[in-house]
């Protein structure tokens, strides 16, 4: 596929697995736990502004999709991810897995 083809490429809709909600809760939770991604590399950069004593931190990372998929997946994901930088005025809060993520 060439770059020009990307604009005209058709989006193929994936079939929905409608039986997932009917699986036993233990099986669903096992699947969600296995779906937690591995380590992510998170880049945090400092941007100096012309304002004295002011530092702005910018982070580049993707919000884990499991936090938005369903209540059940979010509950499982929150067992691994922790909301960081909640009291830091110069950077937005982000979900980190302190045991796996690299920053």
PDB file of N, CA and C in Angstrom:
ATOM      1  N   UNK A   1       0.854  -1.176   0.000  1.00  0.00           N
ATOM      2  CA  UNK A   1       0.000   0.000   0.000  1.00  0.00           C
ATOM      3  C   UNK A   1       0.895   1.232   0.000  1.00  0.00           C
ATOM      4  N   UNK A   2       0.568   2.155  -0.838  1.00  0.00           N
ATOM      5  CA  UNK A   2       1.315   3.398  -0.947  1.00  0.00           C
ATOM      6  C   UNK A   2       0.637   4.482  -0.118  1.00  0.00           C
ATOM      7  N   UNK A   3       1.362   5.553   0.144  1.00  0.00           N
ATOM      8  CA  UNK A   3       0.812   6.624   0.976  1.00  0.00           C
ATOM      9  C   UNK A   3      -0.452   7.210   0.360  1.00  0.00           C
ATOM     10  N   UNK A   4      -0.501   7.370  -0.940  1.00  0.00           N
ATOM     11  CA  UNK A   4      -1.683   7.908  -1.599  1.00  0.00           C
ATOM     12  C   UNK A   4      -2.904   7.022  -1.425  1.00  0.00           C
ATOM     13  N   UNK A   5      -2.663   5.724  -1.234  1.00  0.00           N
ATOM     14  CA  UNK A   5      -3.772   4.784  -1.055  1.00  0.00           C
ATOM     15  C   UNK A   5      -4.453   4.933   0.302  1.00  0.00           C
ATOM     16  N   UNK A   6      -3.755   5.501   1.267  1.00  0.00           N
ATOM     17  CA  UNK A   6      -4.322   5.621   2.608  1.00  0.00           C
ATOM     18  C   UNK A   6      -5.584   6.481   2.615  1.00  0.00           C
ATOM     19  N   UNK A   7      -5.612   7.506   1.795  1.00  0.00           N
ATOM     20  CA  UNK A   7      -6.772   8.398   1.769  1.00  0.00           C
ATOM     21  C   UNK A   7      -8.004   7.703   1.201  1.00  0.00           C
ATOM     22  N   UNK A   8      -7.792   6.756   0.311  1.00  0.00           N
ATOM     23  CA  UNK A   8      -8.928   6.084  -0.317  1.00  0.00           C
ATOM     24  C   UNK A   8      -9.180   4.695   0.245  1.00  0.00           C
ATOM     25  N   UNK A   9      -8.365   4.265   1.196  1.00  0.00           N
ATOM     26  CA  UNK A   9      -8.548   2.933   1.780  1.00  0.00           C
ATOM     27  C   UNK A   9      -9.883   2.873   2.508  1.00  0.00           C
ATOM     28  N   UNK A  10     -10.554   1.769   2.364  1.00  0.00           N
ATOM     29  CA  UNK A  10     -11.853   1.601   3.011  1.00  0.00           C
ATOM     30  C   UNK A  10     -11.658   1.062   4.417  1.00  0.00           C
ATOM     31  N   UNK A  11     -12.458   1.556   5.319  1.00  0.00           N
ATOM     32  CA  UNK A  11     -12.422   1.071   6.695  1.00  0.00           C
ATOM     33  C   UNK A  11     -13.274  -0.184   6.757  1.00  0.00           C
ATOM     34  N   UNK A  12     -12.661  -1.261   7.209  1.00  0.00           N
ATOM     35  CA  UNK A  12     -13.380  -2.524   7.320  1.00  0.00           C
ATOM     36  C   UNK A  12     -13.873  -2.654   8.749  1.00  0.00           C
ATOM     37  N   UNK A  13     -15.167  -2.729   8.900  1.00  0.00           N
ATOM     38  CA  UNK A  13     -15.747  -2.851  10.234  1.00  0.00           C
ATOM     39  C   UNK A  13     -15.559  -4.275  10.738  1.00  0.00           C
ATOM     40  N   UNK A  14     -15.017  -4.391  11.942  1.00  0.00           N
ATOM     41  CA  UNK A  14     -14.780  -5.698  12.532  1.00  0.00           C
ATOM     42  C   UNK A  14     -16.077  -6.241  13.117  1.00  0.00           C
ATOM     43  N   UNK A  15     -16.273  -7.545  13.013  1.00  0.00           N
ATOM     44  CA  UNK A  15     -17.487  -8.119  13.604  1.00  0.00           C
ATOM     45  C   UNK A  15     -17.464  -7.990  15.126  1.00  0.00           C
ATOM     46  N   UNK A  16     -18.613  -7.843  15.689  1.00  0.00           N
ATOM     47  CA  UNK A  16     -18.733  -7.703  17.138  1.00  0.00           C
ATOM     48  C   UNK A  16     -18.915  -9.083  17.758  1.00  0.00           C
ATOM     49  N   UNK A  17     -18.195  -9.325  18.853  1.00  0.00           N
ATOM     50  CA  UNK A  17     -18.315 -10.604  19.555  1.00  0.00           C
ATOM     51  C   UNK A  17     -19.395 -10.434  20.613  1.00  0.00           C
ATOM     52  N   UNK A  18     -20.612 -10.771  20.257  1.00  0.00           N
ATOM     53  CA  UNK A  18     -21.755 -10.509  21.134  1.00  0.00           C
ATOM     54  C   UNK A  18     -21.873 -11.502  22.278  1.00  0.00           C
ATOM     55  N   UNK A  19     -21.072 -12.559  22.255  1.00  0.00           N
ATOM     56  CA  UNK A  19     -21.161 -13.559  23.325  1.00  0.00           C
ATOM     57  C   UNK A  19     -20.303 -13.197  24.539  1.00  0.00           C
ATOM     58  N   UNK A  20     -19.436 -12.198  24.404  1.00  0.00           N
ATOM     59  CA  UNK A  20     -18.540 -11.844  25.507  1.00  0.00           C
ATOM     60  C   UNK A  20     -19.300 -11.572  26.805  1.00  0.00           C
ATOM     61  N   UNK A  21     -20.376 -10.785  26.789  1.00  0.00           N
ATOM     62  CA  UNK A  21     -21.103 -10.527  28.044  1.00  0.00           C
ATOM     63  C   UNK A  21     -21.701 -11.788  28.668  1.00  0.00           C
ATOM     64  N   UNK A  22     -21.880 -12.823  27.872  1.00  0.00           N
ATOM     65  CA  UNK A  22     -22.466 -14.058  28.394  1.00  0.00           C
ATOM     66  C   UNK A  22     -21.430 -15.004  29.002  1.00  0.00           C
ATOM     67  N   UNK A  23     -20.159 -14.707  28.798  1.00  0.00           N
ATOM     68  CA  UNK A  23     -19.120 -15.552  29.396  1.00  0.00           C
ATOM     69  C   UNK A  23     -19.181 -15.439  30.915  1.00  0.00           C
ATOM     70  N   UNK A  24     -18.683 -16.461  31.584  1.00  0.00           N
ATOM     71  CA  UNK A  24     -18.628 -16.426  33.051  1.00  0.00           C
ATOM     72  C   UNK A  24     -17.759 -15.243  33.481  1.00  0.00           C
ATOM     73  N   UNK A  25     -18.125 -14.571  34.577  1.00  0.00           N
ATOM     74  CA  UNK A  25     -17.344 -13.411  35.034  1.00  0.00           C
ATOM     75  C   UNK A  25     -15.857 -13.726  35.208  1.00  0.00           C
ATOM     76  N   UNK A  26     -15.535 -14.916  35.684  1.00  0.00           N
ATOM     77  CA  UNK A  26     -14.129 -15.282  35.885  1.00  0.00           C
ATOM     78  C   UNK A  26     -13.374 -15.290  34.557  1.00  0.00           C
ATOM     79  N   UNK A  27     -14.031 -15.766  33.504  1.00  0.00           N
ATOM     80  CA  UNK A  27     -13.384 -15.806  32.189  1.00  0.00           C
ATOM     81  C   UNK A  27     -13.219 -14.393  31.640  1.00  0.00           C
ATOM     82  N   UNK A  28     -14.259 -13.555  31.778  1.00  0.00           N
ATOM     83  CA  UNK A  28     -14.159 -12.171  31.300  1.00  0.00           C
ATOM     84  C   UNK A  28     -13.033 -11.434  32.013  1.00  0.00           C
ATOM     85  N   UNK A  29     -12.947 -11.589  33.339  1.00  0.00           N
ATOM     86  CA  UNK A  29     -11.894 -10.897  34.093  1.00  0.00           C
ATOM     87  C   UNK A  29     -10.513 -11.386  33.683  1.00  0.00           C
ATOM     88  N   UNK A  30     -10.382 -12.680  33.426  1.00  0.00           N
ATOM     89  CA  UNK A  30      -9.099 -13.219  32.965  1.00  0.00           C
ATOM     90  C   UNK A  30      -8.727 -12.609  31.619  1.00  0.00           C
ATOM     91  N   UNK A  31      -9.694 -12.504  30.723  1.00  0.00           N
ATOM     92  CA  UNK A  31      -9.437 -11.898  29.409  1.00  0.00           C
ATOM     93  C   UNK A  31      -9.027 -10.438  29.566  1.00  0.00           C
ATOM     94  N   UNK A  32      -9.733  -9.688  30.408  1.00  0.00           N
ATOM     95  CA  UNK A  32      -9.377  -8.277  30.621  1.00  0.00           C
ATOM     96  C   UNK A  32      -7.975  -8.156  31.200  1.00  0.00           C
ATOM     97  N   UNK A  33      -7.625  -9.013  32.149  1.00  0.00           N
ATOM     98  CA  UNK A  33      -6.281  -8.951  32.743  1.00  0.00           C
ATOM     99  C   UNK A  33      -5.208  -9.244  31.705  1.00  0.00           C
ATOM    100  N   UNK A  34      -5.476 -10.198  30.818  1.00  0.00           N
ATOM    101  CA  UNK A  34      -4.516 -10.518  29.760  1.00  0.00           C
ATOM    102  C   UNK A  34      -4.429  -9.408  28.714  1.00  0.00           C
ATOM    103  N   UNK A  35      -5.457  -8.581  28.629  1.00  0.00           N
ATOM    104  CA  UNK A  35      -5.489  -7.501  27.640  1.00  0.00           C
ATOM    105  C   UNK A  35      -4.751  -6.245  28.098  1.00  0.00           C
ATOM    106  N   UNK A  36      -4.344  -6.194  29.364  1.00  0.00           N
ATOM    107  CA  UNK A  36      -3.605  -5.022  29.851  1.00  0.00           C
ATOM    108  C   UNK A  36      -2.289  -4.941  29.085  1.00  0.00           C
ATOM    109  N   UNK A  37      -2.013  -3.800  28.455  1.00  0.00           N
ATOM    110  CA  UNK A  37      -0.798  -3.695  27.641  1.00  0.00           C
ATOM    111  C   UNK A  37       0.474  -3.775  28.473  1.00  0.00           C
ATOM    112  N   UNK A  38       1.556  -4.095  27.786  1.00  0.00           N
ATOM    113  CA  UNK A  38       2.868  -4.143  28.425  1.00  0.00           C
ATOM    114  C   UNK A  38       3.382  -2.742  28.698  1.00  0.00           C
ATOM    115  N   UNK A  39       4.665  -2.624  28.961  1.00  0.00           N
ATOM    116  CA  UNK A  39       5.241  -1.314  29.288  1.00  0.00           C
ATOM    117  C   UNK A  39       5.059  -0.310  28.150  1.00  0.00           C
ATOM    118  N   UNK A  40       4.787   0.922  28.539  1.00  0.00           N
ATOM    119  CA  UNK A  40       4.696   2.023  27.582  1.00  0.00           C
ATOM    120  C   UNK A  40       5.853   2.967  27.844  1.00  0.00           C
ATOM    121  N   UNK A  41       6.376   3.577  26.798  1.00  0.00           N
ATOM    122  CA  UNK A  41       7.416   4.593  26.937  1.00  0.00           C
ATOM    123  C   UNK A  41       6.714   5.944  26.924  1.00  0.00           C
ATOM    124  N   UNK A  42       6.859   6.670  28.018  1.00  0.00           N
ATOM    125  CA  UNK A  42       6.185   7.960  28.167  1.00  0.00           C
ATOM    126  C   UNK A  42       7.252   9.048  28.224  1.00  0.00           C
ATOM    127  N   UNK A  43       7.152   9.984  27.304  1.00  0.00           N
ATOM    128  CA  UNK A  43       8.120  11.068  27.227  1.00  0.00           C
ATOM    129  C   UNK A  43       7.559  12.286  27.951  1.00  0.00           C
ATOM    130  N   UNK A  44       8.313  12.777  28.914  1.00  0.00           N
ATOM    131  CA  UNK A  44       7.917  13.990  29.640  1.00  0.00           C
ATOM    132  C   UNK A  44       8.975  15.045  29.353  1.00  0.00           C
ATOM    133  N   UNK A  45       8.547  16.162  28.770  1.00  0.00           N
ATOM    134  CA  UNK A  45       9.478  17.217  28.404  1.00  0.00           C
ATOM    135  C   UNK A  45       9.155  18.492  29.161  1.00  0.00           C
ATOM    136  N   UNK A  46      10.207  19.223  29.473  1.00  0.00           N
ATOM    137  CA  UNK A  46      10.045  20.508  30.142  1.00  0.00           C
ATOM    138  C   UNK A  46      10.157  21.613  29.098  1.00  0.00           C
ATOM    139  N   UNK A  47       9.205  22.524  29.120  1.00  0.00           N
ATOM    140  CA  UNK A  47       9.220  23.679  28.223  1.00  0.00           C
ATOM    141  C   UNK A  47       9.359  24.928  29.085  1.00  0.00           C
ATOM    142  N   UNK A  48      10.440  25.656  28.875  1.00  0.00           N
ATOM    143  CA  UNK A  48      10.646  26.894  29.626  1.00  0.00           C
ATOM    144  C   UNK A  48       9.932  28.036  28.920  1.00  0.00           C
ATOM    145  N   UNK A  49       9.194  28.783  29.681  1.00  0.00           N
ATOM    146  CA  UNK A  49       8.463  29.933  29.164  1.00  0.00           C
ATOM    147  C   UNK A  49       9.282  31.176  29.500  1.00  0.00           C
ATOM    148  N   UNK A  50       8.921  32.272  28.906  1.00  0.00           N
ATOM    149  CA  UNK A  50       9.599  33.535  29.206  1.00  0.00           C
ATOM    150  C   UNK A  50       9.263  34.019  30.613  1.00  0.00           C
ATOM    151  N   UNK A  51       8.218  33.451  31.207  1.00  0.00           N
ATOM    152  CA  UNK A  51       7.814  33.851  32.546  1.00  0.00           C
ATOM    153  C   UNK A  51       8.793  33.276  33.565  1.00  0.00           C
ATOM    154  N   UNK A  52       9.367  34.113  34.418  1.00  0.00           N
ATOM    155  CA  UNK A  52      10.301  33.602  35.421  1.00  0.00           C
ATOM    156  C   UNK A  52       9.610  32.628  36.387  1.00  0.00           C
ATOM    157  N   UNK A  53      10.354  31.642  36.832  1.00  0.00           N
ATOM    158  CA  UNK A  53       9.884  30.646  37.807  1.00  0.00           C
ATOM    159  C   UNK A  53       8.661  29.862  37.322  1.00  0.00           C
ATOM    160  N   UNK A  54       8.524  29.707  36.013  1.00  0.00           N
ATOM    161  CA  UNK A  54       7.393  28.938  35.487  1.00  0.00           C
ATOM    162  C   UNK A  54       7.922  27.868  34.545  1.00  0.00           C
ATOM    163  N   UNK A  55       7.570  26.626  34.834  1.00  0.00           N
ATOM    164  CA  UNK A  55       7.962  25.503  33.978  1.00  0.00           C
ATOM    165  C   UNK A  55       6.704  24.769  33.541  1.00  0.00           C
ATOM    166  N   UNK A  56       6.653  24.430  32.292  1.00  0.00           N
ATOM    167  CA  UNK A  56       5.526  23.673  31.761  1.00  0.00           C
ATOM    168  C   UNK A  56       6.031  22.300  31.355  1.00  0.00           C
ATOM    169  N   UNK A  57       5.371  21.259  31.840  1.00  0.00           N
ATOM    170  CA  UNK A  57       5.742  19.898  31.486  1.00  0.00           C
ATOM    171  C   UNK A  57       4.723  19.361  30.491  1.00  0.00           C
ATOM    172  N   UNK A  58       5.208  18.740  29.446  1.00  0.00           N
ATOM    173  CA  UNK A  58       4.331  18.130  28.444  1.00  0.00           C
ATOM    174  C   UNK A  58       4.665  16.652  28.356  1.00  0.00           C
ATOM    175  N   UNK A  59       3.644  15.831  28.309  1.00  0.00           N
ATOM    176  CA  UNK A  59       3.847  14.385  28.233  1.00  0.00           C
ATOM    177  C   UNK A  59       3.228  13.844  26.956  1.00  0.00           C
ATOM    178  N   UNK A  60       3.902  12.867  26.392  1.00  0.00           N
ATOM    179  CA  UNK A  60       3.409  12.215  25.189  1.00  0.00           C
ATOM    180  C   UNK A  60       3.091  10.765  25.526  1.00  0.00           C
ATOM    181  N   UNK A  61       1.808  10.439  25.536  1.00  0.00           N
ATOM    182  CA  UNK A  61       1.401   9.069  25.834  1.00  0.00           C
ATOM    183  C   UNK A  61      -0.042   8.885  25.419  1.00  0.00           C
ATOM    184  N   UNK A  62      -0.437   7.628  25.253  1.00  0.00           N
ATOM    185  CA  UNK A  62      -1.820   7.312  24.895  1.00  0.00           C
ATOM    186  C   UNK A  62      -2.553   6.835  26.146  1.00  0.00           C
ATOM    187  N   UNK A  63      -3.768   7.306  26.317  1.00  0.00           N
ATOM    188  CA  UNK A  63      -4.588   6.847  27.438  1.00  0.00           C
ATOM    189  C   UNK A  63      -4.929   5.382  27.188  1.00  0.00           C
ATOM    190  N   UNK A  64      -4.728   4.518  28.165  1.00  0.00           N
ATOM    191  CA  UNK A  64      -5.043   3.098  27.962  1.00  0.00           C
ATOM    192  C   UNK A  64      -6.502   2.906  27.546  1.00  0.00           C
ATOM    193  N   UNK A  65      -6.718   2.222  26.427  1.00  0.00           N
ATOM    194  CA  UNK A  65      -8.066   2.029  25.882  1.00  0.00           C
ATOM    195  C   UNK A  65      -8.980   1.305  26.857  1.00  0.00           C
ATOM    196  N   UNK A  66      -8.416   0.450  27.695  1.00  0.00           N
ATOM    197  CA  UNK A  66      -9.246  -0.304  28.642  1.00  0.00           C
ATOM    198  C   UNK A  66      -9.963   0.603  29.632  1.00  0.00           C
ATOM    199  N   UNK A  67      -9.462   1.810  29.823  1.00  0.00           N
ATOM    200  CA  UNK A  67     -10.127   2.741  30.732  1.00  0.00           C
ATOM    201  C   UNK A  67     -11.421   3.281  30.124  1.00  0.00           C
ATOM    202  N   UNK A  68     -11.601   3.098  28.812  1.00  0.00           N
ATOM    203  CA  UNK A  68     -12.779   3.626  28.116  1.00  0.00           C
ATOM    204  C   UNK A  68     -13.670   2.550  27.515  1.00  0.00           C
ATOM    205  N   UNK A  69     -13.280   1.302  27.596  1.00  0.00           N
ATOM    206  CA  UNK A  69     -14.003   0.233  26.907  1.00  0.00           C
ATOM    207  C   UNK A  69     -15.320  -0.123  27.581  1.00  0.00           C
ATOM    208  N   UNK A  70     -15.270  -0.396  28.865  1.00  0.00           N
ATOM    209  CA  UNK A  70     -16.482  -0.750  29.621  1.00  0.00           C
ATOM    210  C   UNK A  70     -16.197  -0.529  31.100  1.00  0.00           C
ATOM    211  N   UNK A  71     -17.233  -0.582  31.896  1.00  0.00           N
ATOM    212  CA  UNK A  71     -17.032  -0.442  33.350  1.00  0.00           C
ATOM    213  C   UNK A  71     -16.152  -1.569  33.875  1.00  0.00           C
ATOM    214  N   UNK A  72     -16.403  -2.763  33.365  1.00  0.00           N
ATOM    215  CA  UNK A  72     -15.657  -3.934  33.826  1.00  0.00           C
ATOM    216  C   UNK A  72     -14.176  -3.821  33.453  1.00  0.00           C
ATOM    217  N   UNK A  73     -13.889  -3.422  32.217  1.00  0.00           N
ATOM    218  CA  UNK A  73     -12.489  -3.287  31.800  1.00  0.00           C
ATOM    219  C   UNK A  73     -11.809  -2.156  32.564  1.00  0.00           C
ATOM    220  N   UNK A  74     -12.543  -1.079  32.814  1.00  0.00           N
ATOM    221  CA  UNK A  74     -11.975   0.046  33.569  1.00  0.00           C
ATOM    222  C   UNK A  74     -11.596  -0.386  34.981  1.00  0.00           C
ATOM    223  N   UNK A  75     -12.465  -1.162  35.608  1.00  0.00           N
ATOM    224  CA  UNK A  75     -12.188  -1.638  36.961  1.00  0.00           C
ATOM    225  C   UNK A  75     -10.917  -2.490  36.992  1.00  0.00           C
ATOM    226  N   UNK A  76     -10.758  -3.351  36.000  1.00  0.00           N
ATOM    227  CA  UNK A  76      -9.555  -4.184  35.924  1.00  0.00           C
ATOM    228  C   UNK A  76      -8.331  -3.309  35.658  1.00  0.00           C
ATOM    229  N   UNK A  77      -8.438  -2.378  34.721  1.00  0.00           N
ATOM    230  CA  UNK A  77      -7.310  -1.515  34.371  1.00  0.00           C
ATOM    231  C   UNK A  77      -6.879  -0.644  35.548  1.00  0.00           C
ATOM    232  N   UNK A  78      -7.834  -0.170  36.331  1.00  0.00           N
ATOM    233  CA  UNK A  78      -7.480   0.676  37.479  1.00  0.00           C
ATOM    234  C   UNK A  78      -6.723  -0.098  38.546  1.00  0.00           C
ATOM    235  N   UNK A  79      -6.720  -1.420  38.448  1.00  0.00           N
ATOM    236  CA  UNK A  79      -5.885  -2.228  39.331  1.00  0.00           C
ATOM    237  C   UNK A  79      -4.414  -2.123  38.970  1.00  0.00           C
ATOM    238  N   UNK A  80      -4.118  -1.703  37.734  1.00  0.00           N
ATOM    239  CA  UNK A  80      -2.737  -1.563  37.273  1.00  0.00           C
ATOM    240  C   UNK A  80      -2.306  -0.112  37.134  1.00  0.00           C
ATOM    241  N   UNK A  81      -3.224   0.743  36.717  1.00  0.00           N
ATOM    242  CA  UNK A  81      -2.884   2.144  36.462  1.00  0.00           C
ATOM    243  C   UNK A  81      -3.276   3.026  37.635  1.00  0.00           C
ATOM    244  N   UNK A  82      -2.448   4.038  37.842  1.00  0.00           N
ATOM    245  CA  UNK A  82      -2.701   5.003  38.913  1.00  0.00           C
ATOM    246  C   UNK A  82      -2.686   6.400  38.298  1.00  0.00           C
ATOM    247  N   UNK A  83      -3.615   7.233  38.707  1.00  0.00           N
ATOM    248  CA  UNK A  83      -3.661   8.599  38.204  1.00  0.00           C
ATOM    249  C   UNK A  83      -2.548   9.399  38.871  1.00  0.00           C
ATOM    250  N   UNK A  84      -1.622   9.878  38.052  1.00  0.00           N
ATOM    251  CA  UNK A  84      -0.455  10.610  38.558  1.00  0.00           C
ATOM    252  C   UNK A  84      -0.564  12.089  38.202  1.00  0.00           C
ATOM    253  N   UNK A  85       0.201  12.895  38.886  1.00  0.00           N
ATOM    254  CA  UNK A  85       0.273  14.342  38.667  1.00  0.00           C
ATOM    255  C   UNK A  85      -1.063  15.030  38.921  1.00  0.00           C
ATOM    256  N   UNK A  86      -1.816  14.555  39.880  1.00  0.00           N
ATOM    257  CA  UNK A  86      -3.119  15.162  40.157  1.00  0.00           C
ATOM    258  C   UNK A  86      -2.986  16.517  40.840  1.00  0.00           C
ATOM    259  N   UNK A  87      -1.887  16.756  41.521  1.00  0.00           N
ATOM    260  CA  UNK A  87      -1.704  18.031  42.229  1.00  0.00           C
ATOM    261  C   UNK A  87      -0.602  18.877  41.612  1.00  0.00           C
ATOM    262  N   UNK A  88      -0.242  18.583  40.394  1.00  0.00           N
ATOM    263  CA  UNK A  88       0.837  19.307  39.727  1.00  0.00           C
ATOM    264  C   UNK A  88       0.211  20.321  38.781  1.00  0.00           C
ATOM    265  N   UNK A  89       0.467  21.573  38.998  1.00  0.00           N
ATOM    266  CA  UNK A  89      -0.216  22.608  38.216  1.00  0.00           C
ATOM    267  C   UNK A  89       0.337  22.763  36.804  1.00  0.00           C
ATOM    268  N   UNK A  90       1.516  22.205  36.525  1.00  0.00           N
ATOM    269  CA  UNK A  90       2.138  22.417  35.220  1.00  0.00           C
ATOM    270  C   UNK A  90       2.042  21.220  34.281  1.00  0.00           C
ATOM    271  N   UNK A  91       1.342  20.178  34.681  1.00  0.00           N
ATOM    272  CA  UNK A  91       1.171  19.017  33.802  1.00  0.00           C
ATOM    273  C   UNK A  91      -0.193  18.396  34.078  1.00  0.00           C
ATOM    274  N   UNK A  92      -0.832  17.910  33.028  1.00  0.00           N
ATOM    275  CA  UNK A  92      -2.154  17.289  33.184  1.00  0.00           C
ATOM    276  C   UNK A  92      -2.007  15.922  33.840  1.00  0.00           C
ATOM    277  N   UNK A  93      -2.995  15.506  34.619  1.00  0.00           N
ATOM    278  CA  UNK A  93      -2.958  14.162  35.205  1.00  0.00           C
ATOM    279  C   UNK A  93      -2.920  13.098  34.108  1.00  0.00           C
ATOM    280  N   UNK A  94      -2.252  11.986  34.400  1.00  0.00           N
ATOM    281  CA  UNK A  94      -2.177  10.881  33.451  1.00  0.00           C
ATOM    282  C   UNK A  94      -2.148   9.560  34.203  1.00  0.00           C
ATOM    283  N   UNK A  95      -2.633   8.526  33.553  1.00  0.00           N
ATOM    284  CA  UNK A  95      -2.629   7.198  34.155  1.00  0.00           C
ATOM    285  C   UNK A  95      -1.301   6.518  33.852  1.00  0.00           C
ATOM    286  N   UNK A  96      -0.616   6.072  34.911  1.00  0.00           N
ATOM    287  CA  UNK A  96       0.669   5.391  34.778  1.00  0.00           C
ATOM    288  C   UNK A  96       0.624   4.053  35.490  1.00  0.00           C
ATOM    289  N   UNK A  97       1.356   3.104  34.954  1.00  0.00           N
ATOM    290  CA  UNK A  97       1.598   1.834  35.636  1.00  0.00           C
ATOM    291  C   UNK A  97       3.037   1.919  36.126  1.00  0.00           C
ATOM    292  N   UNK A  98       3.215   2.297  37.383  1.00  0.00           N
ATOM    293  CA  UNK A  98       4.547   2.547  37.919  1.00  0.00           C
ATOM    294  C   UNK A  98       5.421   1.299  37.925  1.00  0.00           C
ATOM    295  N   UNK A  99       4.814   0.109  37.853  1.00  0.00           N
ATOM    296  CA  UNK A  99       5.612  -1.118  37.846  1.00  0.00           C
ATOM    297  C   UNK A  99       6.093  -1.485  36.442  1.00  0.00           C
ATOM    298  N   UNK A 100       5.483  -0.919  35.383  1.00  0.00           N
ATOM    299  CA  UNK A 100       5.853  -1.299  34.013  1.00  0.00           C
ATOM    300  C   UNK A 100       6.282  -0.140  33.129  1.00  0.00           C
ATOM    301  N   UNK A 101       5.587   0.983  33.220  1.00  0.00           N
ATOM    302  CA  UNK A 101       5.834   2.079  32.288  1.00  0.00           C
ATOM    303  C   UNK A 101       7.234   2.649  32.460  1.00  0.00           C
ATOM    304  N   UNK A 102       7.774   3.125  31.360  1.00  0.00           N
ATOM    305  CA  UNK A 102       9.110   3.719  31.343  1.00  0.00           C
ATOM    306  C   UNK A 102       8.927   5.207  31.080  1.00  0.00           C
ATOM    307  N   UNK A 103       9.463   6.039  31.968  1.00  0.00           N
ATOM    308  CA  UNK A 103       9.298   7.483  31.823  1.00  0.00           C
ATOM    309  C   UNK A 103      10.539   8.188  32.283  1.00  0.00           C
TER     310      UNK A 103
END
